[in-house]
Amino acid sequence: MKKEHEKRKSARKDGGFPSTLSVDGDRIQVIAELPMISEEKIRLDLETTLLVISATNGDKQYKKKISLPWEARLGKKRFRKGILELTLEKADL
């Protein structure tokens, strides 16, 4: 089976936060840096091929829209020391 691997990084240009997207086969890994934000203040919205990560810290709001290469569903989520790690799996069509 052909293995697909892609990696994209984005910085704070869009008013969001640093993040990395990696594609490996049927899985997508997203890593987002959210220092000084507690896990309870993070919201994930996954719609078709768009992942939106929103967070609040006091009166500051952060939002990052990440385009996905295909429809996906959330597989795993981990938040530790300001780093959010998501593993998304290809959705069954």
C-alpha atoms as a PDB file:
ATOM      1  CA  MET A   1       0.000   0.000   0.000  1.00  0.00           C
ATOM      2  CA  LYS A   2       1.279   3.439  -0.930  1.00  0.00           C
ATOM      3  CA  LYS A   3       2.174   5.490   2.120  1.00  0.00           C
ATOM      4  CA  GLU A   4       1.317   9.159   2.032  1.00  0.00           C
ATOM      5  CA  HIS A   5       3.166  11.575   4.273  1.00  0.00           C
ATOM      6  CA  GLU A   6       2.770  15.314   4.389  1.00  0.00           C
ATOM      7  CA  LYS A   7       3.631  17.922   6.992  1.00  0.00           C
ATOM      8  CA  ARG A   8       2.438  21.521   7.249  1.00  0.00           C
ATOM      9  CA  LYS A   9       3.311  24.122   9.839  1.00  0.00           C
ATOM     10  CA  SER A  10       1.601  27.400  10.516  1.00  0.00           C
ATOM     11  CA  ALA A  11       2.566  30.213  12.815  1.00  0.00           C
ATOM     12  CA  ARG A  12       0.598  33.024  14.422  1.00  0.00           C
ATOM     13  CA  LYS A  13       0.082  34.964  11.184  1.00  0.00           C
ATOM     14  CA  ASP A  14      -3.675  34.482  11.353  1.00  0.00           C
ATOM     15  CA  GLY A  15      -4.064  35.536  14.997  1.00  0.00           C
ATOM     16  CA  GLY A  16      -4.156  31.908  16.069  1.00  0.00           C
ATOM     17  CA  PHE A  17      -1.365  29.838  17.571  1.00  0.00           C
ATOM     18  CA  PRO A  18       1.457  27.661  16.224  1.00  0.00           C
ATOM     19  CA  SER A  19       0.338  24.294  14.891  1.00  0.00           C
ATOM     20  CA  THR A  20       1.589  21.373  12.802  1.00  0.00           C
ATOM     21  CA  LEU A  21      -0.417  18.993  10.612  1.00  0.00           C
ATOM     22  CA  SER A  22       1.071  15.656   9.506  1.00  0.00           C
ATOM     23  CA  VAL A  23      -0.559  13.084   7.241  1.00  0.00           C
ATOM     24  CA  ASP A  24       0.514   9.446   7.382  1.00  0.00           C
ATOM     25  CA  GLY A  25      -1.657   6.966   5.508  1.00  0.00           C
ATOM     26  CA  ASP A  26      -5.240   7.218   6.780  1.00  0.00           C
ATOM     27  CA  ARG A  27      -4.322   9.293   9.836  1.00  0.00           C
ATOM     28  CA  ILE A  28      -3.815  12.971  10.414  1.00  0.00           C
ATOM     29  CA  GLN A  29      -1.900  14.269  13.416  1.00  0.00           C
ATOM     30  CA  VAL A  30      -2.410  17.846  14.547  1.00  0.00           C
ATOM     31  CA  ILE A  31      -0.192  19.393  17.205  1.00  0.00           C
ATOM     32  CA  ALA A  32      -1.108  22.835  18.535  1.00  0.00           C
ATOM     33  CA  GLU A  33       0.816  24.933  21.037  1.00  0.00           C
ATOM     34  CA  LEU A  34      -1.543  26.472  23.596  1.00  0.00           C
ATOM     35  CA  PRO A  35       0.640  27.674  26.474  1.00  0.00           C
ATOM     36  CA  MET A  36      -1.062  29.276  29.469  1.00  0.00           C
ATOM     37  CA  ILE A  37      -4.449  27.789  28.486  1.00  0.00           C
ATOM     38  CA  SER A  38      -6.218  25.099  30.504  1.00  0.00           C
ATOM     39  CA  GLU A  39      -7.797  22.094  28.799  1.00  0.00           C
ATOM     40  CA  GLU A  40     -11.300  23.154  29.894  1.00  0.00           C
ATOM     41  CA  LYS A  41     -10.931  26.349  27.841  1.00  0.00           C
ATOM     42  CA  ILE A  42     -10.282  24.502  24.553  1.00  0.00           C
ATOM     43  CA  ARG A  43     -13.072  23.742  22.093  1.00  0.00           C
ATOM     44  CA  LEU A  44     -12.788  21.472  19.039  1.00  0.00           C
ATOM     45  CA  ASP A  45     -15.185  21.598  16.091  1.00  0.00           C
ATOM     46  CA  LEU A  46     -14.753  19.089  13.293  1.00  0.00           C
ATOM     47  CA  GLU A  47     -16.888  19.682  10.211  1.00  0.00           C
ATOM     48  CA  THR A  48     -16.334  17.736   7.002  1.00  0.00           C
ATOM     49  CA  THR A  49     -12.767  18.748   6.046  1.00  0.00           C
ATOM     50  CA  LEU A  50     -12.312  21.621   8.487  1.00  0.00           C
ATOM     51  CA  LEU A  51     -10.978  21.451  12.047  1.00  0.00           C
ATOM     52  CA  VAL A  52     -11.508  24.533  14.204  1.00  0.00           C
ATOM     53  CA  ILE A  53      -9.625  24.839  17.490  1.00  0.00           C
ATOM     54  CA  SER A  54     -10.826  27.659  19.745  1.00  0.00           C
ATOM     55  CA  ALA A  55      -9.468  28.664  23.150  1.00  0.00           C
ATOM     56  CA  THR A  56      -9.942  31.420  25.684  1.00  0.00           C
ATOM     57  CA  ASN A  57      -7.578  32.798  28.285  1.00  0.00           C
ATOM     58  CA  GLY A  58      -9.189  35.529  30.340  1.00  0.00           C
ATOM     59  CA  ASP A  59     -10.401  38.132  27.872  1.00  0.00           C
ATOM     60  CA  LYS A  60      -8.217  36.840  25.009  1.00  0.00           C
ATOM     61  CA  GLN A  61      -9.672  34.492  22.410  1.00  0.00           C
ATOM     62  CA  TYR A  62      -7.724  32.336  19.988  1.00  0.00           C
ATOM     63  CA  LYS A  63      -9.035  30.513  16.949  1.00  0.00           C
ATOM     64  CA  LYS A  64      -7.341  28.362  14.343  1.00  0.00           C
ATOM     65  CA  LYS A  65      -8.983  26.899  11.238  1.00  0.00           C
ATOM     66  CA  ILE A  66      -7.154  23.937   9.746  1.00  0.00           C
ATOM     67  CA  SER A  67      -8.103  22.478   6.367  1.00  0.00           C
ATOM     68  CA  LEU A  68      -7.942  18.686   6.275  1.00  0.00           C
ATOM     69  CA  PRO A  69      -7.161  16.623   3.156  1.00  0.00           C
ATOM     70  CA  TRP A  70     -10.280  14.466   3.657  1.00  0.00           C
ATOM     71  CA  GLU A  71     -13.276  13.936   5.936  1.00  0.00           C
ATOM     72  CA  ALA A  72     -12.056  12.766   9.331  1.00  0.00           C
ATOM     73  CA  ARG A  73     -13.227  11.815  12.794  1.00  0.00           C
ATOM     74  CA  LEU A  74     -11.461  12.307  16.113  1.00  0.00           C
ATOM     75  CA  GLY A  75      -9.437   9.276  17.135  1.00  0.00           C
ATOM     76  CA  LYS A  76      -7.328  10.412  20.086  1.00  0.00           C
ATOM     77  CA  LYS A  77      -6.906  13.645  22.017  1.00  0.00           C
ATOM     78  CA  ARG A  78      -4.139  14.478  24.473  1.00  0.00           C
ATOM     79  CA  PHE A  79      -3.371  17.759  26.226  1.00  0.00           C
ATOM     80  CA  ARG A  80      -0.241  18.094  28.323  1.00  0.00           C
ATOM     81  CA  LYS A  81       1.876  21.074  29.334  1.00  0.00           C
ATOM     82  CA  GLY A  82       0.253  23.416  26.826  1.00  0.00           C
ATOM     83  CA  ILE A  83       0.524  21.027  23.869  1.00  0.00           C
ATOM     84  CA  LEU A  84      -2.641  19.662  22.254  1.00  0.00           C
ATOM     85  CA  GLU A  85      -2.140  16.480  20.231  1.00  0.00           C
ATOM     86  CA  LEU A  86      -4.962  15.182  18.057  1.00  0.00           C
ATOM     87  CA  THR A  87      -5.068  12.045  15.949  1.00  0.00           C
ATOM     88  CA  LEU A  88      -7.780  12.131  13.311  1.00  0.00           C
ATOM     89  CA  GLU A  89      -8.798   9.079  11.319  1.00  0.00           C
ATOM     90  CA  LYS A  90     -10.214   8.968   7.824  1.00  0.00           C
ATOM     91  CA  ALA A  91     -14.007   8.902   8.051  1.00  0.00           C
ATOM     92  CA  ASP A  92     -15.822   5.923   6.579  1.00  0.00           C
ATOM     93  CA  LEU A  93     -17.818   7.112   3.591  1.00  0.00           C
END
